[in-house]
Amino acid sequence: MRQISSRYLSEEERINIADLRRSGLSIRKIADQLGRAPSTVSRELRRNSRRDGQYRPFEAHRWAVQRRVRRHRRRIDKNPDLCELIAELLAQRWSPQQIARHLRRKYPDDRSMWLCHESIYQAVYQPQSRLIRPPQVKSPHRGPLRTGRTHRRAHLRPGRRRPRFAQPMLSIHQRPFDPADRSEPGHWEGDLIVGKNQGSAIGTLVERQTRLIRLLHLPTHDAYCLRIAITETMSDLPVTLVRSITWDQGIEMARHIDITADLGAPVYFCDSRSPWQRASNENSNGLLRQYFPKGTSLSTYTPDHLRAVEYEINNRPRQVLGHRSPAELFTALLTSPDHQLLRR
């Protein structure tokens, strides 16, 4: 019997599970051998073993396939009122997570009206979904989800994910210092402040020890333009004050190898969707939004205007710096013999 989808265990994988289990391997080690999650192996053994605990791979595969193709009506299909309520909330751009929590609060004693968010996603993504309505004229949304997505985004298994860039990246976990350690100056965190409709951007760099901000004027926010801006902005500093740069995995950093060659400083990348790993930069970007409000075009700001903002914010006393300013501390760094200044 053929495998239905690569998402599910194949007959060959079930044979391997049986062999590895007989050899005495733990569930976690079996999962490592197969490249699957330990929960997948554990669930397979729990669902498809005989009552006496024996696991027969061919029998297990037959049971799994039969269970998969067996017609099963979802709760949402059996309850028109529930389906209509969910469709209305999706039309109001509620997320499946918000809907699932709302159902439990609204119907605390009626479990027939409860549904987990994953069941809502599955109902949306299934063919001929009753939750998918024809989009209204000129509506930017193609489906019931507020993302407009009508199918589940593919996720590669850990270890098989494609690298973000063609050139190898250095992970933030490879930095030679602890995230809480700010004793060594010259380590910078960077990001983009993006304008209306993603059409314009300003680059930001923050020195971790002094919180000094440098702004990058970007005619366009592609990789080439960002490389030029970073190199020109940082090349006037002593090498001891440009030891590293930490950035997120935005495509604008595709030329990070060139930046490293230009400045002699490695570029480290945060984990995906982990802005808190650049805490200094994220906090500074919040301060900069006082000058560059969200939803506005950033292309109207000239390099001179950026320098003026830079000067004003760097000369503002900061509580985290003992009520001294970033400019005051950074100037002390520049004038010290070895460019070493640890705040006390």
C-alpha atoms as a PDB file:
ATOM      1  CA  MET A   1       0.000   0.000   0.000  1.00  0.00           C
ATOM      2  CA  ARG A   2       1.541   3.289  -1.074  1.00  0.00           C
ATOM      3  CA  GLN A   3       2.425   6.142   1.235  1.00  0.00           C
ATOM      4  CA  ILE A   4      -0.103   8.982   1.180  1.00  0.00           C
ATOM      5  CA  SER A   5       2.203  11.897   1.892  1.00  0.00           C
ATOM      6  CA  SER A   6       5.812  12.476   2.927  1.00  0.00           C
ATOM      7  CA  ARG A   7       4.380  14.214   5.966  1.00  0.00           C
ATOM      8  CA  TYR A   8       3.443  10.784   7.327  1.00  0.00           C
ATOM      9  CA  LEU A   9       5.668   7.836   8.173  1.00  0.00           C
ATOM     10  CA  SER A  10       6.416   5.527   5.263  1.00  0.00           C
ATOM     11  CA  GLU A  11       6.400   1.754   5.394  1.00  0.00           C
ATOM     12  CA  GLU A  12      10.197   1.754   5.212  1.00  0.00           C
ATOM     13  CA  GLU A  13      10.399   4.110   8.195  1.00  0.00           C
ATOM     14  CA  ARG A  14       8.117   1.817  10.173  1.00  0.00           C
ATOM     15  CA  ILE A  15      10.394  -1.133   9.383  1.00  0.00           C
ATOM     16  CA  ASN A  16      13.340   0.911  10.651  1.00  0.00           C
ATOM     17  CA  ILE A  17      11.439   1.789  13.826  1.00  0.00           C
ATOM     18  CA  ALA A  18      10.799  -1.907  14.492  1.00  0.00           C
ATOM     19  CA  ASP A  19      14.450  -2.844  13.870  1.00  0.00           C
ATOM     20  CA  LEU A  20      15.854  -0.013  15.992  1.00  0.00           C
ATOM     21  CA  ARG A  21      13.408  -0.737  18.790  1.00  0.00           C
ATOM     22  CA  ARG A  22      14.462  -4.392  18.859  1.00  0.00           C
ATOM     23  CA  SER A  23      18.083  -3.274  19.109  1.00  0.00           C
ATOM     24  CA  GLY A  24      17.223  -1.424  22.324  1.00  0.00           C
ATOM     25  CA  LEU A  25      17.472   2.195  21.149  1.00  0.00           C
ATOM     26  CA  SER A  26      15.476   4.851  22.969  1.00  0.00           C
ATOM     27  CA  ILE A  27      12.670   6.751  21.267  1.00  0.00           C
ATOM     28  CA  ARG A  28      14.841   9.862  21.020  1.00  0.00           C
ATOM     29  CA  LYS A  29      17.694   7.956  19.365  1.00  0.00           C
ATOM     30  CA  ILE A  30      15.288   6.264  16.954  1.00  0.00           C
ATOM     31  CA  ALA A  31      13.922   9.692  16.038  1.00  0.00           C
ATOM     32  CA  ASP A  32      17.451  10.988  15.419  1.00  0.00           C
ATOM     33  CA  GLN A  33      18.160   8.057  13.108  1.00  0.00           C
ATOM     34  CA  LEU A  34      14.987   8.735  11.105  1.00  0.00           C
ATOM     35  CA  GLY A  35      15.248  12.523  11.108  1.00  0.00           C
ATOM     36  CA  ARG A  36      11.835  12.718  12.791  1.00  0.00           C
ATOM     37  CA  ALA A  37      10.611  14.326  15.985  1.00  0.00           C
ATOM     38  CA  PRO A  38      10.646  12.087  19.089  1.00  0.00           C
ATOM     39  CA  SER A  39       6.922  12.773  19.508  1.00  0.00           C
ATOM     40  CA  THR A  40       6.299  11.276  16.045  1.00  0.00           C
ATOM     41  CA  VAL A  41       7.983   7.994  16.992  1.00  0.00           C
ATOM     42  CA  SER A  42       6.308   7.910  20.403  1.00  0.00           C
ATOM     43  CA  ARG A  43       2.886   8.522  18.853  1.00  0.00           C
ATOM     44  CA  GLU A  44       3.495   5.837  16.217  1.00  0.00           C
ATOM     45  CA  LEU A  45       4.316   3.205  18.837  1.00  0.00           C
ATOM     46  CA  ARG A  46       1.362   4.205  20.977  1.00  0.00           C
ATOM     47  CA  ARG A  47      -1.190   4.180  18.154  1.00  0.00           C
ATOM     48  CA  ASN A  48      -0.076   1.265  16.025  1.00  0.00           C
ATOM     49  CA  SER A  49       1.248  -1.343  18.445  1.00  0.00           C
ATOM     50  CA  ARG A  50      -0.750  -4.440  19.341  1.00  0.00           C
ATOM     51  CA  ARG A  51      -2.481  -4.704  22.692  1.00  0.00           C
ATOM     52  CA  ASP A  52       0.354  -6.886  23.968  1.00  0.00           C
ATOM     53  CA  GLY A  53       2.836  -4.121  23.085  1.00  0.00           C
ATOM     54  CA  GLN A  54       4.303  -5.784  19.999  1.00  0.00           C
ATOM     55  CA  TYR A  55       5.005  -3.490  17.062  1.00  0.00           C
ATOM     56  CA  ARG A  56       4.651  -5.100  13.616  1.00  0.00           C
ATOM     57  CA  PRO A  57       5.675  -2.581  10.913  1.00  0.00           C
ATOM     58  CA  PHE A  58       3.612  -3.928   7.983  1.00  0.00           C
ATOM     59  CA  GLU A  59       0.536  -4.258  10.152  1.00  0.00           C
ATOM     60  CA  ALA A  60       1.141  -0.816  11.658  1.00  0.00           C
ATOM     61  CA  HIS A  61       1.448   0.743   8.207  1.00  0.00           C
ATOM     62  CA  ARG A  62      -1.812  -0.840   7.061  1.00  0.00           C
ATOM     63  CA  TRP A  63      -3.646   0.422  10.147  1.00  0.00           C
ATOM     64  CA  ALA A  64      -2.240   3.922   9.718  1.00  0.00           C
ATOM     65  CA  VAL A  65      -3.233   4.184   6.059  1.00  0.00           C
ATOM     66  CA  GLN A  66      -6.721   2.849   6.750  1.00  0.00           C
ATOM     67  CA  ARG A  67      -7.134   5.329   9.571  1.00  0.00           C
ATOM     68  CA  ARG A  68      -5.927   8.132   7.310  1.00  0.00           C
ATOM     69  CA  VAL A  69      -8.319   7.462   4.428  1.00  0.00           C
ATOM     70  CA  ARG A  70     -11.319   6.719   6.662  1.00  0.00           C
ATOM     71  CA  ARG A  71     -13.955   9.381   6.184  1.00  0.00           C
ATOM     72  CA  HIS A  72     -14.162  11.589   9.240  1.00  0.00           C
ATOM     73  CA  ARG A  73     -16.550  14.474   9.702  1.00  0.00           C
ATOM     74  CA  ARG A  74     -14.998  17.338  11.614  1.00  0.00           C
ATOM     75  CA  ARG A  75     -16.856  18.947  14.485  1.00  0.00           C
ATOM     76  CA  ILE A  76     -17.092  22.127  12.449  1.00  0.00           C
ATOM     77  CA  ASP A  77     -18.795  20.195   9.622  1.00  0.00           C
ATOM     78  CA  LYS A  78     -21.334  18.668  12.000  1.00  0.00           C
ATOM     79  CA  ASN A  79     -22.241  21.972  13.654  1.00  0.00           C
ATOM     80  CA  PRO A  80     -23.585  24.625  11.216  1.00  0.00           C
ATOM     81  CA  ASP A  81     -23.901  27.232  13.991  1.00  0.00           C
ATOM     82  CA  LEU A  82     -20.250  26.787  14.941  1.00  0.00           C
ATOM     83  CA  CYS A  83     -19.194  26.968  11.303  1.00  0.00           C
ATOM     84  CA  GLU A  84     -21.163  30.168  10.735  1.00  0.00           C
ATOM     85  CA  LEU A  85     -19.760  31.819  13.872  1.00  0.00           C
ATOM     86  CA  ILE A  86     -16.179  30.984  12.915  1.00  0.00           C
ATOM     87  CA  ALA A  87     -16.753  32.245   9.369  1.00  0.00           C
ATOM     88  CA  GLU A  88     -18.089  35.553  10.729  1.00  0.00           C
ATOM     89  CA  LEU A  89     -15.099  36.024  13.039  1.00  0.00           C
ATOM     90  CA  LEU A  90     -12.656  35.162  10.257  1.00  0.00           C
ATOM     91  CA  ALA A  91     -14.391  37.765   8.093  1.00  0.00           C
ATOM     92  CA  GLN A  92     -13.645  40.280  10.869  1.00  0.00           C
ATOM     93  CA  ARG A  93      -9.959  39.311  10.584  1.00  0.00           C
ATOM     94  CA  TRP A  94      -9.779  37.370  13.838  1.00  0.00           C
ATOM     95  CA  SER A  95      -6.964  34.825  13.976  1.00  0.00           C
ATOM     96  CA  PRO A  96      -7.745  31.126  14.636  1.00  0.00           C
ATOM     97  CA  GLN A  97      -6.002  31.460  18.035  1.00  0.00           C
ATOM     98  CA  GLN A  98      -8.258  34.376  19.004  1.00  0.00           C
ATOM     99  CA  ILE A  99     -11.345  32.477  17.851  1.00  0.00           C
ATOM    100  CA  ALA A 100     -10.420  29.332  19.796  1.00  0.00           C
ATOM    101  CA  ARG A 101      -9.977  31.306  23.046  1.00  0.00           C
ATOM    102  CA  HIS A 102     -13.192  33.254  22.396  1.00  0.00           C
ATOM    103  CA  LEU A 103     -15.239  30.061  21.951  1.00  0.00           C
ATOM    104  CA  ARG A 104     -14.129  28.702  25.317  1.00  0.00           C
ATOM    105  CA  ARG A 105     -14.986  31.973  27.073  1.00  0.00           C
ATOM    106  CA  LYS A 106     -18.345  32.385  25.333  1.00  0.00           C
ATOM    107  CA  TYR A 107     -19.452  28.751  25.750  1.00  0.00           C
ATOM    108  CA  PRO A 108     -17.762  27.556  28.968  1.00  0.00           C
ATOM    109  CA  ASP A 109     -20.309  24.745  29.489  1.00  0.00           C
ATOM    110  CA  ASP A 110     -20.874  23.689  25.868  1.00  0.00           C
ATOM    111  CA  ARG A 111     -17.904  21.689  24.641  1.00  0.00           C
ATOM    112  CA  SER A 112     -19.599  21.120  21.285  1.00  0.00           C
ATOM    113  CA  MET A 113     -18.807  24.774  20.536  1.00  0.00           C
ATOM    114  CA  TRP A 114     -15.130  24.406  21.429  1.00  0.00           C
ATOM    115  CA  LEU A 115     -12.481  24.047  18.761  1.00  0.00           C
ATOM    116  CA  CYS A 116      -8.706  24.331  18.922  1.00  0.00           C
ATOM    117  CA  HIS A 117      -6.956  26.744  16.570  1.00  0.00           C
ATOM    118  CA  GLU A 118      -5.316  23.894  14.616  1.00  0.00           C
ATOM    119  CA  SER A 119      -8.750  22.467  13.767  1.00  0.00           C
ATOM    120  CA  ILE A 120      -9.771  25.864  12.402  1.00  0.00           C
ATOM    121  CA  TYR A 121      -6.644  26.004  10.249  1.00  0.00           C
ATOM    122  CA  GLN A 122      -7.333  22.489   8.942  1.00  0.00           C
ATOM    123  CA  ALA A 123     -10.927  23.405   8.137  1.00  0.00           C
ATOM    124  CA  VAL A 124      -9.760  26.461   6.209  1.00  0.00           C
ATOM    125  CA  TYR A 125      -7.103  24.614   4.259  1.00  0.00           C
ATOM    126  CA  GLN A 126      -9.171  21.569   3.308  1.00  0.00           C
ATOM    127  CA  PRO A 127     -10.555  21.414  -0.265  1.00  0.00           C
ATOM    128  CA  GLN A 128     -14.108  22.742  -0.661  1.00  0.00           C
ATOM    129  CA  SER A 129     -13.871  24.441   2.716  1.00  0.00           C
ATOM    130  CA  ARG A 130     -17.162  25.916   3.884  1.00  0.00           C
ATOM    131  CA  LEU A 131     -15.181  28.707   5.538  1.00  0.00           C
ATOM    132  CA  ILE A 132     -13.737  29.981   2.256  1.00  0.00           C
ATOM    133  CA  ARG A 133     -16.006  32.544   0.689  1.00  0.00           C
ATOM    134  CA  PRO A 134     -15.541  34.317  -2.652  1.00  0.00           C
ATOM    135  CA  PRO A 135     -13.504  37.491  -2.001  1.00  0.00           C
ATOM    136  CA  GLN A 136     -15.303  40.795  -2.244  1.00  0.00           C
ATOM    137  CA  VAL A 137     -14.557  43.069  -5.156  1.00  0.00           C
ATOM    138  CA  LYS A 138     -11.245  44.922  -4.725  1.00  0.00           C
ATOM    139  CA  SER A 139     -10.598  43.025  -1.485  1.00  0.00           C
ATOM    140  CA  PRO A 140      -6.882  42.433  -0.865  1.00  0.00           C
ATOM    141  CA  HIS A 141      -7.721  39.193   0.969  1.00  0.00           C
ATOM    142  CA  ARG A 142      -8.018  36.013  -1.074  1.00  0.00           C
ATOM    143  CA  GLY A 143      -9.100  33.712   1.738  1.00  0.00           C
ATOM    144  CA  PRO A 144     -10.737  33.760   5.175  1.00  0.00           C
ATOM    145  CA  LEU A 145      -7.465  34.153   7.077  1.00  0.00           C
ATOM    146  CA  ARG A 146      -6.254  37.706   7.562  1.00  0.00           C
ATOM    147  CA  THR A 147      -2.956  36.684   5.966  1.00  0.00           C
ATOM    148  CA  GLY A 148      -4.871  35.852   2.789  1.00  0.00           C
ATOM    149  CA  ARG A 149      -3.224  32.427   2.746  1.00  0.00           C
ATOM    150  CA  THR A 150      -5.368  29.530   1.498  1.00  0.00           C
ATOM    151  CA  HIS A 151      -2.846  26.732   2.033  1.00  0.00           C
ATOM    152  CA  ARG A 152      -0.426  25.807   4.762  1.00  0.00           C
ATOM    153  CA  ARG A 153       3.088  27.145   4.375  1.00  0.00           C
ATOM    154  CA  ALA A 154       5.606  24.344   3.905  1.00  0.00           C
ATOM    155  CA  HIS A 155       8.168  23.899   6.677  1.00  0.00           C
ATOM    156  CA  LEU A 156      11.309  21.879   6.176  1.00  0.00           C
ATOM    157  CA  ARG A 157      12.444  19.620   8.976  1.00  0.00           C
ATOM    158  CA  PRO A 158      15.223  20.856  11.259  1.00  0.00           C
ATOM    159  CA  GLY A 159      18.571  20.148   9.660  1.00  0.00           C
ATOM    160  CA  ARG A 160      17.048  20.247   6.170  1.00  0.00           C
ATOM    161  CA  ARG A 161      16.121  23.909   6.080  1.00  0.00           C
ATOM    162  CA  ARG A 162      17.638  25.926   3.290  1.00  0.00           C
ATOM    163  CA  PRO A 163      20.216  28.497   4.454  1.00  0.00           C
ATOM    164  CA  ARG A 164      19.020  32.118   4.435  1.00  0.00           C
ATOM    165  CA  PHE A 165      21.916  33.282   2.263  1.00  0.00           C
ATOM    166  CA  ALA A 166      24.167  31.632  -0.288  1.00  0.00           C
ATOM    167  CA  GLN A 167      27.202  32.572   1.819  1.00  0.00           C
ATOM    168  CA  PRO A 168      27.615  30.895   5.245  1.00  0.00           C
ATOM    169  CA  MET A 169      26.264  32.847   8.216  1.00  0.00           C
ATOM    170  CA  LEU A 170      27.670  33.230  11.703  1.00  0.00           C
ATOM    171  CA  SER A 171      25.044  32.573  14.373  1.00  0.00           C
ATOM    172  CA  ILE A 172      24.579  34.924  17.304  1.00  0.00           C
ATOM    173  CA  HIS A 173      25.383  31.921  19.489  1.00  0.00           C
ATOM    174  CA  GLN A 174      28.927  31.997  18.083  1.00  0.00           C
ATOM    175  CA  ARG A 175      29.639  35.466  19.469  1.00  0.00           C
ATOM    176  CA  PRO A 176      32.616  35.368  21.842  1.00  0.00           C
ATOM    177  CA  PHE A 177      30.725  37.108  24.651  1.00  0.00           C
ATOM    178  CA  ASP A 178      27.613  36.612  26.726  1.00  0.00           C
ATOM    179  CA  PRO A 179      24.547  38.677  25.687  1.00  0.00           C
ATOM    180  CA  ALA A 180      24.531  40.388  29.093  1.00  0.00           C
ATOM    181  CA  ASP A 181      28.243  41.246  28.894  1.00  0.00           C
ATOM    182  CA  ARG A 182      28.859  44.824  27.727  1.00  0.00           C
ATOM    183  CA  SER A 183      32.379  45.159  29.107  1.00  0.00           C
ATOM    184  CA  GLU A 184      34.041  45.250  25.685  1.00  0.00           C
ATOM    185  CA  PRO A 185      33.176  48.177  23.389  1.00  0.00           C
ATOM    186  CA  GLY A 186      32.895  48.014  19.630  1.00  0.00           C
ATOM    187  CA  HIS A 187      30.097  45.473  19.318  1.00  0.00           C
ATOM    188  CA  TRP A 188      27.173  46.870  17.317  1.00  0.00           C
ATOM    189  CA  GLU A 189      23.579  45.805  16.728  1.00  0.00           C
ATOM    190  CA  GLY A 190      21.788  46.812  13.551  1.00  0.00           C
ATOM    191  CA  ASP A 191      18.403  46.794  11.866  1.00  0.00           C
ATOM    192  CA  LEU A 192      16.179  48.688   9.450  1.00  0.00           C
ATOM    193  CA  ILE A 193      13.371  51.092  10.310  1.00  0.00           C
ATOM    194  CA  VAL A 194      10.966  50.550   7.434  1.00  0.00           C
ATOM    195  CA  GLY A 195       8.594  53.186   6.064  1.00  0.00           C
ATOM    196  CA  LYS A 196       5.139  53.095   4.534  1.00  0.00           C
ATOM    197  CA  ASN A 197       4.391  50.047   2.366  1.00  0.00           C
ATOM    198  CA  GLN A 198       7.959  48.770   2.833  1.00  0.00           C
ATOM    199  CA  GLY A 199       9.024  51.312   0.223  1.00  0.00           C
ATOM    200  CA  SER A 200      11.732  53.144   2.165  1.00  0.00           C
ATOM    201  CA  ALA A 201      14.033  52.501   5.090  1.00  0.00           C
ATOM    202  CA  ILE A 202      16.647  53.967   7.411  1.00  0.00           C
ATOM    203  CA  GLY A 203      19.443  51.785   8.746  1.00  0.00           C
ATOM    204  CA  THR A 204      20.278  51.895  12.449  1.00  0.00           C
ATOM    205  CA  LEU A 205      23.424  50.809  14.278  1.00  0.00           C
ATOM    206  CA  VAL A 206      23.748  50.853  18.082  1.00  0.00           C
ATOM    207  CA  GLU A 207      26.980  50.380  20.020  1.00  0.00           C
ATOM    208  CA  ARG A 208      26.181  47.959  22.838  1.00  0.00           C
ATOM    209  CA  GLN A 209      28.272  49.511  25.634  1.00  0.00           C
ATOM    210  CA  THR A 210      27.481  53.207  25.171  1.00  0.00           C
ATOM    211  CA  ARG A 211      24.147  52.904  23.272  1.00  0.00           C
ATOM    212  CA  LEU A 212      25.475  55.357  20.676  1.00  0.00           C
ATOM    213  CA  ILE A 213      23.277  55.398  17.569  1.00  0.00           C
ATOM    214  CA  ARG A 214      24.419  55.818  13.991  1.00  0.00           C
ATOM    215  CA  LEU A 215      21.840  56.254  11.238  1.00  0.00           C
ATOM    216  CA  LEU A 216      22.294  55.025   7.674  1.00  0.00           C
ATOM    217  CA  HIS A 217      20.790  56.993   4.804  1.00  0.00           C
ATOM    218  CA  LEU A 218      19.532  54.420   2.274  1.00  0.00           C
ATOM    219  CA  PRO A 219      18.349  55.555  -1.187  1.00  0.00           C
ATOM    220  CA  THR A 220      17.167  51.935  -1.545  1.00  0.00           C
ATOM    221  CA  HIS A 221      17.267  49.207   1.071  1.00  0.00           C
ATOM    222  CA  ASP A 222      18.818  46.441  -0.993  1.00  0.00           C
ATOM    223  CA  ALA A 223      21.936  44.501  -0.022  1.00  0.00           C
ATOM    224  CA  TYR A 224      24.337  46.567  -2.141  1.00  0.00           C
ATOM    225  CA  CYS A 225      23.115  49.918  -0.804  1.00  0.00           C
ATOM    226  CA  LEU A 226      23.228  48.718   2.809  1.00  0.00           C
ATOM    227  CA  ARG A 227      26.762  47.413   2.420  1.00  0.00           C
ATOM    228  CA  ILE A 228      27.962  50.784   1.091  1.00  0.00           C
ATOM    229  CA  ALA A 229      26.165  52.684   3.875  1.00  0.00           C
ATOM    230  CA  ILE A 230      27.547  50.514   6.687  1.00  0.00           C
ATOM    231  CA  THR A 231      31.089  50.601   5.328  1.00  0.00           C
ATOM    232  CA  GLU A 232      31.109  54.372   4.823  1.00  0.00           C
ATOM    233  CA  THR A 233      29.549  55.037   8.231  1.00  0.00           C
ATOM    234  CA  MET A 234      31.835  52.757  10.244  1.00  0.00           C
ATOM    235  CA  SER A 235      35.149  53.086   8.405  1.00  0.00           C
ATOM    236  CA  ASP A 236      36.089  56.296  10.269  1.00  0.00           C
ATOM    237  CA  LEU A 237      36.212  54.468  13.620  1.00  0.00           C
ATOM    238  CA  PRO A 238      39.228  52.717  15.169  1.00  0.00           C
ATOM    239  CA  VAL A 239      39.238  48.969  14.551  1.00  0.00           C
ATOM    240  CA  THR A 240      38.872  48.365  18.301  1.00  0.00           C
ATOM    241  CA  LEU A 241      35.501  50.119  18.162  1.00  0.00           C
ATOM    242  CA  VAL A 242      34.188  47.989  15.293  1.00  0.00           C
ATOM    243  CA  ARG A 243      34.608  44.464  16.607  1.00  0.00           C
ATOM    244  CA  SER A 244      31.345  42.917  15.390  1.00  0.00           C
ATOM    245  CA  ILE A 245      27.882  43.643  14.010  1.00  0.00           C
ATOM    246  CA  THR A 246      24.753  41.677  14.938  1.00  0.00           C
ATOM    247  CA  TRP A 247      21.772  41.798  12.549  1.00  0.00           C
ATOM    248  CA  ASP A 248      18.587  39.891  11.863  1.00  0.00           C
ATOM    249  CA  GLN A 249      18.193  37.571   8.880  1.00  0.00           C
ATOM    250  CA  GLY A 250      16.752  40.184   6.537  1.00  0.00           C
ATOM    251  CA  ILE A 251      17.615  39.842   2.857  1.00  0.00           C
ATOM    252  CA  GLU A 252      19.241  43.274   2.984  1.00  0.00           C
ATOM    253  CA  MET A 253      22.214  41.565   4.670  1.00  0.00           C
ATOM    254  CA  ALA A 254      22.902  39.224   1.752  1.00  0.00           C
ATOM    255  CA  ARG A 255      26.341  40.834   1.266  1.00  0.00           C
ATOM    256  CA  HIS A 256      27.459  40.302   4.846  1.00  0.00           C
ATOM    257  CA  ILE A 257      30.685  38.624   3.712  1.00  0.00           C
ATOM    258  CA  ASP A 258      31.626  41.817   1.856  1.00  0.00           C
ATOM    259  CA  ILE A 259      30.867  43.913   4.949  1.00  0.00           C
ATOM    260  CA  THR A 260      33.133  41.682   7.021  1.00  0.00           C
ATOM    261  CA  ALA A 261      35.893  42.109   4.435  1.00  0.00           C
ATOM    262  CA  ASP A 262      35.401  45.899   4.340  1.00  0.00           C
ATOM    263  CA  LEU A 263      35.483  46.432   8.101  1.00  0.00           C
ATOM    264  CA  GLY A 264      37.441  43.456   9.364  1.00  0.00           C
ATOM    265  CA  ALA A 265      34.553  42.696  11.732  1.00  0.00           C
ATOM    266  CA  PRO A 266      32.347  39.590  11.675  1.00  0.00           C
ATOM    267  CA  VAL A 267      28.597  39.863  11.136  1.00  0.00           C
ATOM    268  CA  TYR A 268      26.490  37.667  13.431  1.00  0.00           C
ATOM    269  CA  PHE A 269      22.858  36.796  12.764  1.00  0.00           C
ATOM    270  CA  CYS A 270      20.029  36.462  15.262  1.00  0.00           C
ATOM    271  CA  ASP A 271      17.749  33.462  15.250  1.00  0.00           C
ATOM    272  CA  SER A 272      14.729  33.786  13.011  1.00  0.00           C
ATOM    273  CA  ARG A 273      11.927  35.907  14.519  1.00  0.00           C
ATOM    274  CA  SER A 274      13.973  36.728  17.639  1.00  0.00           C
ATOM    275  CA  PRO A 275      14.257  40.540  17.823  1.00  0.00           C
ATOM    276  CA  TRP A 276      14.896  40.386  21.590  1.00  0.00           C
ATOM    277  CA  GLN A 277      18.369  39.079  20.766  1.00  0.00           C
ATOM    278  CA  ARG A 278      19.160  42.637  19.638  1.00  0.00           C
ATOM    279  CA  ALA A 279      17.690  44.299  22.711  1.00  0.00           C
ATOM    280  CA  SER A 280      19.762  47.496  22.506  1.00  0.00           C
ATOM    281  CA  ASN A 281      18.842  48.021  18.880  1.00  0.00           C
ATOM    282  CA  GLU A 282      15.154  47.275  19.389  1.00  0.00           C
ATOM    283  CA  ASN A 283      14.981  49.773  22.260  1.00  0.00           C
ATOM    284  CA  SER A 284      16.766  52.427  20.206  1.00  0.00           C
ATOM    285  CA  ASN A 285      14.427  51.869  17.273  1.00  0.00           C
ATOM    286  CA  GLY A 286      11.545  52.587  19.625  1.00  0.00           C
ATOM    287  CA  LEU A 287      13.160  55.913  20.556  1.00  0.00           C
ATOM    288  CA  LEU A 288      13.766  56.733  16.891  1.00  0.00           C
ATOM    289  CA  ARG A 289      10.085  56.315  16.083  1.00  0.00           C
ATOM    290  CA  GLN A 290       9.584  59.652  17.871  1.00  0.00           C
ATOM    291  CA  TYR A 291      11.356  61.184  14.881  1.00  0.00           C
ATOM    292  CA  PHE A 292      10.263  58.744  12.161  1.00  0.00           C
ATOM    293  CA  PRO A 293       6.611  57.758  12.804  1.00  0.00           C
ATOM    294  CA  LYS A 294       5.275  54.463  11.525  1.00  0.00           C
ATOM    295  CA  GLY A 295       3.225  54.599   8.341  1.00  0.00           C
ATOM    296  CA  THR A 296       5.197  57.492   6.839  1.00  0.00           C
ATOM    297  CA  SER A 297       7.631  57.557   3.953  1.00  0.00           C
ATOM    298  CA  LEU A 298      11.253  57.691   5.083  1.00  0.00           C
ATOM    299  CA  SER A 299      12.589  58.677   1.669  1.00  0.00           C
ATOM    300  CA  THR A 300      11.924  62.364   2.419  1.00  0.00           C
ATOM    301  CA  TYR A 301      14.636  62.536   5.096  1.00  0.00           C
ATOM    302  CA  THR A 302      18.015  63.808   3.909  1.00  0.00           C
ATOM    303  CA  PRO A 303      21.423  62.723   5.261  1.00  0.00           C
ATOM    304  CA  ASP A 304      21.677  66.087   7.044  1.00  0.00           C
ATOM    305  CA  HIS A 305      18.350  65.467   8.774  1.00  0.00           C
ATOM    306  CA  LEU A 306      19.549  62.038   9.921  1.00  0.00           C
ATOM    307  CA  ARG A 307      22.718  63.587  11.337  1.00  0.00           C
ATOM    308  CA  ALA A 308      20.617  66.121  13.265  1.00  0.00           C
ATOM    309  CA  VAL A 309      18.447  63.366  14.752  1.00  0.00           C
ATOM    310  CA  GLU A 310      21.550  61.338  15.535  1.00  0.00           C
ATOM    311  CA  TYR A 311      23.123  64.304  17.361  1.00  0.00           C
ATOM    312  CA  GLU A 312      20.002  65.061  19.374  1.00  0.00           C
ATOM    313  CA  ILE A 313      19.313  61.523  20.549  1.00  0.00           C
ATOM    314  CA  ASN A 314      22.971  60.713  21.285  1.00  0.00           C
ATOM    315  CA  ASN A 315      23.286  63.793  23.501  1.00  0.00           C
ATOM    316  CA  ARG A 316      20.183  62.968  25.520  1.00  0.00           C
ATOM    317  CA  PRO A 317      21.001  61.604  29.039  1.00  0.00           C
ATOM    318  CA  ARG A 318      19.922  57.996  29.546  1.00  0.00           C
ATOM    319  CA  GLN A 319      18.982  56.411  32.856  1.00  0.00           C
ATOM    320  CA  VAL A 320      20.596  53.113  31.848  1.00  0.00           C
ATOM    321  CA  LEU A 321      23.880  55.017  31.425  1.00  0.00           C
ATOM    322  CA  GLY A 322      23.768  56.587  34.874  1.00  0.00           C
ATOM    323  CA  HIS A 323      22.143  59.729  33.414  1.00  0.00           C
ATOM    324  CA  ARG A 324      25.041  60.288  31.068  1.00  0.00           C
ATOM    325  CA  SER A 325      24.619  60.523  27.329  1.00  0.00           C
ATOM    326  CA  PRO A 326      25.788  58.024  24.688  1.00  0.00           C
ATOM    327  CA  ALA A 327      27.833  60.782  23.028  1.00  0.00           C
ATOM    328  CA  GLU A 328      29.627  61.551  26.304  1.00  0.00           C
ATOM    329  CA  LEU A 329      30.617  57.931  26.848  1.00  0.00           C
ATOM    330  CA  PHE A 330      31.560  57.290  23.235  1.00  0.00           C
ATOM    331  CA  THR A 331      33.751  60.395  23.167  1.00  0.00           C
ATOM    332  CA  ALA A 332      35.508  59.077  26.270  1.00  0.00           C
ATOM    333  CA  LEU A 333      36.089  55.821  24.405  1.00  0.00           C
ATOM    334  CA  LEU A 334      37.613  57.638  21.445  1.00  0.00           C
ATOM    335  CA  THR A 335      39.978  59.649  23.639  1.00  0.00           C
ATOM    336  CA  SER A 336      41.044  56.811  25.937  1.00  0.00           C
ATOM    337  CA  PRO A 337      44.442  55.246  25.109  1.00  0.00           C
ATOM    338  CA  ASP A 338      43.156  51.743  24.358  1.00  0.00           C
ATOM    339  CA  HIS A 339      39.521  52.651  23.603  1.00  0.00           C
ATOM    340  CA  GLN A 340      38.343  50.686  26.632  1.00  0.00           C
ATOM    341  CA  LEU A 341      35.684  52.165  28.889  1.00  0.00           C
ATOM    342  CA  LEU A 342      33.560  50.089  31.196  1.00  0.00           C
ATOM    343  CA  ARG A 343      30.602  51.938  32.669  1.00  0.00           C
ATOM    344  CA  ARG A 344      30.331  51.828  36.441  1.00  0.00           C
END
